[in-house]
C-alpha atoms as a PDB file:
ATOM      1  CA  UNK A   1      33.687 101.249  64.282  1.00  0.00           C
ATOM      2  CA  UNK A   2      34.296  98.386  61.832  1.00  0.00           C
ATOM      3  CA  UNK A   3      35.568 100.808  59.155  1.00  0.00           C
ATOM      4  CA  UNK A   4      38.110 102.264  61.607  1.00  0.00           C
ATOM      5  CA  UNK A   5      39.457  98.791  62.477  1.00  0.00           C
ATOM      6  CA  UNK A   6      39.589  97.891  58.792  1.00  0.00           C
ATOM      7  CA  UNK A   7      41.622 101.023  57.952  1.00  0.00           C
ATOM      8  CA  UNK A   8      43.973 100.379  60.881  1.00  0.00           C
ATOM      9  CA  UNK A   9      44.472  96.769  59.771  1.00  0.00           C
ATOM     10  CA  UNK A  10      45.186  97.791  56.173  1.00  0.00           C
ATOM     11  CA  UNK A  11      47.605 100.488  57.320  1.00  0.00           C
ATOM     12  CA  UNK A  12      49.421  98.015  59.587  1.00  0.00           C
ATOM     13  CA  UNK A  13      49.714  95.460  56.775  1.00  0.00           C
ATOM     14  CA  UNK A  14      50.959  98.150  54.372  1.00  0.00           C
ATOM     15  CA  UNK A  15      53.659  99.226  56.811  1.00  0.00           C
ATOM     16  CA  UNK A  16      54.686  95.592  57.344  1.00  0.00           C
ATOM     17  CA  UNK A  17      54.941  94.981  53.583  1.00  0.00           C
ATOM     18  CA  UNK A  18      56.966  98.180  53.116  1.00  0.00           C
ATOM     19  CA  UNK A  19      59.394  97.226  55.904  1.00  0.00           C
ATOM     20  CA  UNK A  20      59.786  93.713  54.493  1.00  0.00           C
ATOM     21  CA  UNK A  21      60.544  95.146  51.027  1.00  0.00           C
ATOM     22  CA  UNK A  22      63.137  97.533  52.484  1.00  0.00           C
ATOM     23  CA  UNK A  23      64.765  94.667  54.356  1.00  0.00           C
ATOM     24  CA  UNK A  24      64.969  92.593  51.177  1.00  0.00           C
ATOM     25  CA  UNK A  25      66.489  95.505  49.251  1.00  0.00           C
ATOM     26  CA  UNK A  26      69.090  96.122  51.932  1.00  0.00           C
ATOM     27  CA  UNK A  27      70.130  92.461  51.745  1.00  0.00           C
ATOM     28  CA  UNK A  28      70.825  92.886  48.032  1.00  0.00           C
ATOM     29  CA  UNK A  29      73.934  94.975  48.722  1.00  0.00           C
ATOM     30  CA  UNK A  30      77.130  93.083  49.442  1.00  0.00           C
ATOM     31  CA  UNK A  31      79.093  93.951  52.545  1.00  0.00           C
ATOM     32  CA  UNK A  32      82.543  93.632  50.972  1.00  0.00           C
ATOM     33  CA  UNK A  33      81.924  92.825  47.313  1.00  0.00           C
ATOM     34  CA  UNK A  34      83.365  89.292  47.559  1.00  0.00           C
ATOM     35  CA  UNK A  35      81.641  88.114  44.378  1.00  0.00           C
ATOM     36  CA  UNK A  36      82.908  90.992  42.250  1.00  0.00           C
ATOM     37  CA  UNK A  37      85.583  89.998  39.726  1.00  0.00           C
ATOM     38  CA  UNK A  38      88.529  92.317  38.918  1.00  0.00           C
ATOM     39  CA  UNK A  39      88.798  93.035  35.205  1.00  0.00           C
ATOM     40  CA  UNK A  40      85.181  91.995  34.568  1.00  0.00           C
ATOM     41  CA  UNK A  41      82.937  93.817  37.042  1.00  0.00           C
ATOM     42  CA  UNK A  42      81.934  97.334  35.945  1.00  0.00           C
ATOM     43  CA  UNK A  43      81.527 100.463  38.047  1.00  0.00           C
ATOM     44  CA  UNK A  44      77.754 100.130  37.597  1.00  0.00           C
ATOM     45  CA  UNK A  45      77.907  96.568  38.968  1.00  0.00           C
ATOM     46  CA  UNK A  46      79.984  97.684  41.971  1.00  0.00           C
ATOM     47  CA  UNK A  47      77.484 100.439  42.802  1.00  0.00           C
ATOM     48  CA  UNK A  48      74.559  98.042  42.353  1.00  0.00           C
ATOM     49  CA  UNK A  49      76.199  95.394  44.554  1.00  0.00           C
ATOM     50  CA  UNK A  50      77.864  97.480  47.276  1.00  0.00           C
ATOM     51  CA  UNK A  51      75.609 100.530  47.302  1.00  0.00           C
ATOM     52  CA  UNK A  52      76.510 104.203  47.425  1.00  0.00           C
ATOM     53  CA  UNK A  53      80.077 104.811  48.632  1.00  0.00           C
ATOM     54  CA  UNK A  54      80.791 107.045  51.616  1.00  0.00           C
ATOM     55  CA  UNK A  55      83.422 108.897  49.557  1.00  0.00           C
ATOM     56  CA  UNK A  56      84.566 109.011  45.953  1.00  0.00           C
ATOM     57  CA  UNK A  57      87.707 110.391  44.308  1.00  0.00           C
ATOM     58  CA  UNK A  58      88.518 110.864  40.628  1.00  0.00           C
ATOM     59  CA  UNK A  59      92.247 110.247  40.130  1.00  0.00           C
ATOM     60  CA  UNK A  60      94.422 112.090  37.568  1.00  0.00           C
ATOM     61  CA  UNK A  61      94.981 108.839  35.615  1.00  0.00           C
ATOM     62  CA  UNK A  62      91.228 108.506  34.980  1.00  0.00           C
ATOM     63  CA  UNK A  63      90.656 105.846  37.636  1.00  0.00           C
ATOM     64  CA  UNK A  64      88.099 106.210  40.443  1.00  0.00           C
ATOM     65  CA  UNK A  65      88.520 105.316  44.107  1.00  0.00           C
ATOM     66  CA  UNK A  66      85.444 104.500  46.205  1.00  0.00           C
ATOM     67  CA  UNK A  67      85.369 104.224  50.013  1.00  0.00           C
ATOM     68  CA  UNK A  68      82.823 101.929  51.649  1.00  0.00           C
ATOM     69  CA  UNK A  69      82.941 102.559  55.406  1.00  0.00           C
ATOM     70  CA  UNK A  70      81.049  99.823  57.266  1.00  0.00           C
ATOM     71  CA  UNK A  71      81.240 101.289  60.796  1.00  0.00           C
ATOM     72  CA  UNK A  72      80.379 102.085  63.489  1.00  0.00           C
ATOM     73  CA  UNK A  73      79.152  98.551  64.198  1.00  0.00           C
ATOM     74  CA  UNK A  74      81.287  96.957  61.477  1.00  0.00           C
ATOM     75  CA  UNK A  75      85.055  96.578  61.465  1.00  0.00           C
ATOM     76  CA  UNK A  76      85.843  97.349  57.830  1.00  0.00           C
ATOM     77  CA  UNK A  77      86.352 100.071  55.288  1.00  0.00           C
ATOM     78  CA  UNK A  78      86.646  98.741  51.745  1.00  0.00           C
ATOM     79  CA  UNK A  79      88.528 100.781  49.156  1.00  0.00           C
ATOM     80  CA  UNK A  80      87.473  99.959  45.616  1.00  0.00           C
ATOM     81  CA  UNK A  81      89.620 100.990  42.661  1.00  0.00           C
ATOM     82  CA  UNK A  82      87.899 101.321  39.285  1.00  0.00           C
ATOM     83  CA  UNK A  83      90.159 101.700  36.234  1.00  0.00           C
ATOM     84  CA  UNK A  84      89.693 104.330  33.550  1.00  0.00           C
ATOM     85  CA  UNK A  85      88.014 101.535  31.522  1.00  0.00           C
ATOM     86  CA  UNK A  86      85.273 101.566  34.224  1.00  0.00           C
ATOM     87  CA  UNK A  87      86.219  98.016  35.353  1.00  0.00           C
ATOM     88  CA  UNK A  88      87.038  96.902  38.871  1.00  0.00           C
ATOM     89  CA  UNK A  89      90.786  96.692  39.528  1.00  0.00           C
ATOM     90  CA  UNK A  90      90.711  95.611  43.194  1.00  0.00           C
ATOM     91  CA  UNK A  91      88.933  95.811  46.557  1.00  0.00           C
ATOM     92  CA  UNK A  92      90.884  96.073  49.800  1.00  0.00           C
ATOM     93  CA  UNK A  93      89.877  96.210  53.456  1.00  0.00           C
ATOM     94  CA  UNK A  94      92.075  99.062  54.704  1.00  0.00           C
ATOM     95  CA  UNK A  95      91.427  98.963  58.458  1.00  0.00           C
ATOM     96  CA  UNK A  96      94.534  97.015  59.422  1.00  0.00           C
ATOM     97  CA  UNK A  97      98.147  97.713  60.475  1.00  0.00           C
ATOM     98  CA  UNK A  98      99.452  97.639  56.871  1.00  0.00           C
ATOM     99  CA  UNK A  99      97.443 100.809  56.169  1.00  0.00           C
ATOM    100  CA  UNK A 100      97.722 102.315  59.664  1.00  0.00           C
ATOM    101  CA  UNK A 101     101.521 102.400  59.256  1.00  0.00           C
ATOM    102  CA  UNK A 102     101.086 104.527  56.125  1.00  0.00           C
ATOM    103  CA  UNK A 103      99.647 107.353  58.217  1.00  0.00           C
ATOM    104  CA  UNK A 104     102.617 109.618  59.040  1.00  0.00           C
ATOM    105  CA  UNK A 105     103.061 112.924  60.874  1.00  0.00           C
ATOM    106  CA  UNK A 106     102.594 115.877  58.534  1.00  0.00           C
ATOM    107  CA  UNK A 107      99.993 114.198  56.299  1.00  0.00           C
ATOM    108  CA  UNK A 108      96.851 116.181  55.455  1.00  0.00           C
ATOM    109  CA  UNK A 109      93.290 115.173  56.258  1.00  0.00           C
ATOM    110  CA  UNK A 110      92.654 114.413  52.589  1.00  0.00           C
ATOM    111  CA  UNK A 111      95.698 112.111  52.447  1.00  0.00           C
ATOM    112  CA  UNK A 112      94.391 110.219  55.508  1.00  0.00           C
ATOM    113  CA  UNK A 113      90.909 109.957  53.994  1.00  0.00           C
ATOM    114  CA  UNK A 114      92.338 108.522  50.759  1.00  0.00           C
ATOM    115  CA  UNK A 115      94.104 105.796  52.753  1.00  0.00           C
ATOM    116  CA  UNK A 116      91.531 104.892  55.439  1.00  0.00           C
ATOM    117  CA  UNK A 117      88.270 106.415  54.251  1.00  0.00           C
ATOM    118  CA  UNK A 118      86.008 108.390  56.580  1.00  0.00           C
ATOM    119  CA  UNK A 119      86.114 107.835  60.327  1.00  0.00           C
ATOM    120  CA  UNK A 120      82.988 107.400  62.415  1.00  0.00           C
ATOM    121  CA  UNK A 121      81.616 110.978  62.823  1.00  0.00           C
ATOM    122  CA  UNK A 122      80.172 110.334  66.284  1.00  0.00           C
ATOM    123  CA  UNK A 123      83.667 109.459  67.551  1.00  0.00           C
ATOM    124  CA  UNK A 124      85.316 112.634  66.237  1.00  0.00           C
ATOM    125  CA  UNK A 125      86.721 114.764  69.044  1.00  0.00           C
ATOM    126  CA  UNK A 126      88.046 118.309  69.127  1.00  0.00           C
ATOM    127  CA  UNK A 127      90.142 119.769  71.918  1.00  0.00           C
ATOM    128  CA  UNK A 128      90.949 123.461  72.165  1.00  0.00           C
ATOM    129  CA  UNK A 129      94.551 124.566  72.641  1.00  0.00           C
ATOM    130  CA  UNK A 130      95.629 124.442  76.290  1.00  0.00           C
ATOM    131  CA  UNK A 131      98.756 124.226  78.448  1.00  0.00           C
ATOM    132  CA  UNK A 132     101.026 124.900  75.455  1.00  0.00           C
ATOM    133  CA  UNK A 133      99.391 122.036  73.494  1.00  0.00           C
ATOM    134  CA  UNK A 134      97.924 122.862  70.081  1.00  0.00           C
ATOM    135  CA  UNK A 135      94.249 122.390  69.338  1.00  0.00           C
ATOM    136  CA  UNK A 136      93.627 118.787  68.344  1.00  0.00           C
ATOM    137  CA  UNK A 137      91.168 117.024  66.086  1.00  0.00           C
ATOM    138  CA  UNK A 138      90.861 113.259  66.599  1.00  0.00           C
ATOM    139  CA  UNK A 139      89.406 110.823  64.072  1.00  0.00           C
ATOM    140  CA  UNK A 140      88.766 107.235  65.113  1.00  0.00           C
ATOM    141  CA  UNK A 141      88.096 103.973  63.253  1.00  0.00           C
ATOM    142  CA  UNK A 142      86.940 100.636  64.657  1.00  0.00           C
ATOM    143  CA  UNK A 143      88.761  97.544  63.394  1.00  0.00           C
ATOM    144  CA  UNK A 144      89.381  93.913  64.264  1.00  0.00           C
ATOM    145  CA  UNK A 145      92.916  93.258  65.546  1.00  0.00           C
ATOM    146  CA  UNK A 146      95.032  90.231  64.636  1.00  0.00           C
ATOM    147  CA  UNK A 147      93.947  88.768  67.991  1.00  0.00           C
ATOM    148  CA  UNK A 148      90.287  89.092  66.868  1.00  0.00           C
ATOM    149  CA  UNK A 149      89.603  91.861  69.393  1.00  0.00           C
ATOM    150  CA  UNK A 150      87.478  94.916  68.675  1.00  0.00           C
ATOM    151  CA  UNK A 151      89.978  97.774  68.588  1.00  0.00           C
ATOM    152  CA  UNK A 152      90.254 101.460  67.741  1.00  0.00           C
ATOM    153  CA  UNK A 153      92.772 103.342  65.595  1.00  0.00           C
ATOM    154  CA  UNK A 154      93.078 107.090  66.162  1.00  0.00           C
ATOM    155  CA  UNK A 155      94.630 109.815  64.058  1.00  0.00           C
ATOM    156  CA  UNK A 156      95.392 112.951  66.061  1.00  0.00           C
ATOM    157  CA  UNK A 157      95.675 116.112  63.987  1.00  0.00           C
ATOM    158  CA  UNK A 158      97.349 119.364  64.980  1.00  0.00           C
ATOM    159  CA  UNK A 159      94.216 121.358  64.230  1.00  0.00           C
ATOM    160  CA  UNK A 160      96.098 124.636  63.715  1.00  0.00           C
ATOM    161  CA  UNK A 161      98.109 123.070  60.864  1.00  0.00           C
ATOM    162  CA  UNK A 162      95.486 120.572  59.659  1.00  0.00           C
ATOM    163  CA  UNK A 163      98.098 117.814  59.605  1.00  0.00           C
ATOM    164  CA  UNK A 164      98.687 114.531  61.420  1.00  0.00           C
ATOM    165  CA  UNK A 165     100.553 114.916  64.689  1.00  0.00           C
ATOM    166  CA  UNK A 166     100.416 111.299  65.859  1.00  0.00           C
ATOM    167  CA  UNK A 167      98.417 108.061  65.826  1.00  0.00           C
ATOM    168  CA  UNK A 168      97.463 105.471  68.434  1.00  0.00           C
ATOM    169  CA  UNK A 169      95.803 102.075  68.688  1.00  0.00           C
ATOM    170  CA  UNK A 170      93.996 100.371  71.554  1.00  0.00           C
ATOM    171  CA  UNK A 171      91.647  97.494  72.269  1.00  0.00           C
ATOM    172  CA  UNK A 172      88.079  98.483  73.109  1.00  0.00           C
ATOM    173  CA  UNK A 173      87.290  98.487  76.818  1.00  0.00           C
ATOM    174  CA  UNK A 174      84.421  96.093  77.483  1.00  0.00           C
ATOM    175  CA  UNK A 175      84.942  95.803  81.228  1.00  0.00           C
ATOM    176  CA  UNK A 176      83.733  92.535  82.683  1.00  0.00           C
ATOM    177  CA  UNK A 177      81.955  91.601  79.455  1.00  0.00           C
ATOM    178  CA  UNK A 178      85.121  90.891  77.451  1.00  0.00           C
ATOM    179  CA  UNK A 179      83.192  88.507  75.199  1.00  0.00           C
ATOM    180  CA  UNK A 180      81.546  91.583  73.672  1.00  0.00           C
ATOM    181  CA  UNK A 181      84.944  92.695  72.367  1.00  0.00           C
ATOM    182  CA  UNK A 182      85.516  89.570  70.277  1.00  0.00           C
ATOM    183  CA  UNK A 183      85.264  90.107  66.527  1.00  0.00           C
ATOM    184  CA  UNK A 184      82.906  87.862  64.595  1.00  0.00           C
END
């Protein structure tokens, strides 16, 4: 009986230590890379600080673009540009109207991804063609509006063409608990 309690106690302590170590490691990554210095910070440093990107593109000029999507709970997607010298050029939070206005009808999915990064997969919707409307694919991102309200930006694709048909923006609906829709 004593041996069984001893093994259970050791197992519980081991699990606790493992969880604490994982928590400490996760705190080592920076949410938006604020301490990274353009022209000095290397690609290796960016990956060590910000973690594994959600997407990565190699550009024809030898530079690399990394997308760090911080949703669904967060309000940011950070695009990191690394020069061909493997040094940080800049980091930008792209979930804001400046970038939303760049999304235009006729753009491809890849063009949208290169501007905004990946949307939240659990919010992706697909509607079959009906009533003379084409099939639609909808991607959605959560962002913080200028009024500090939790909001959503949608890109609606004509799924038969694979191109943007339209976009829309709206504040999140929090019902009577509007305080839940305030951005931190």
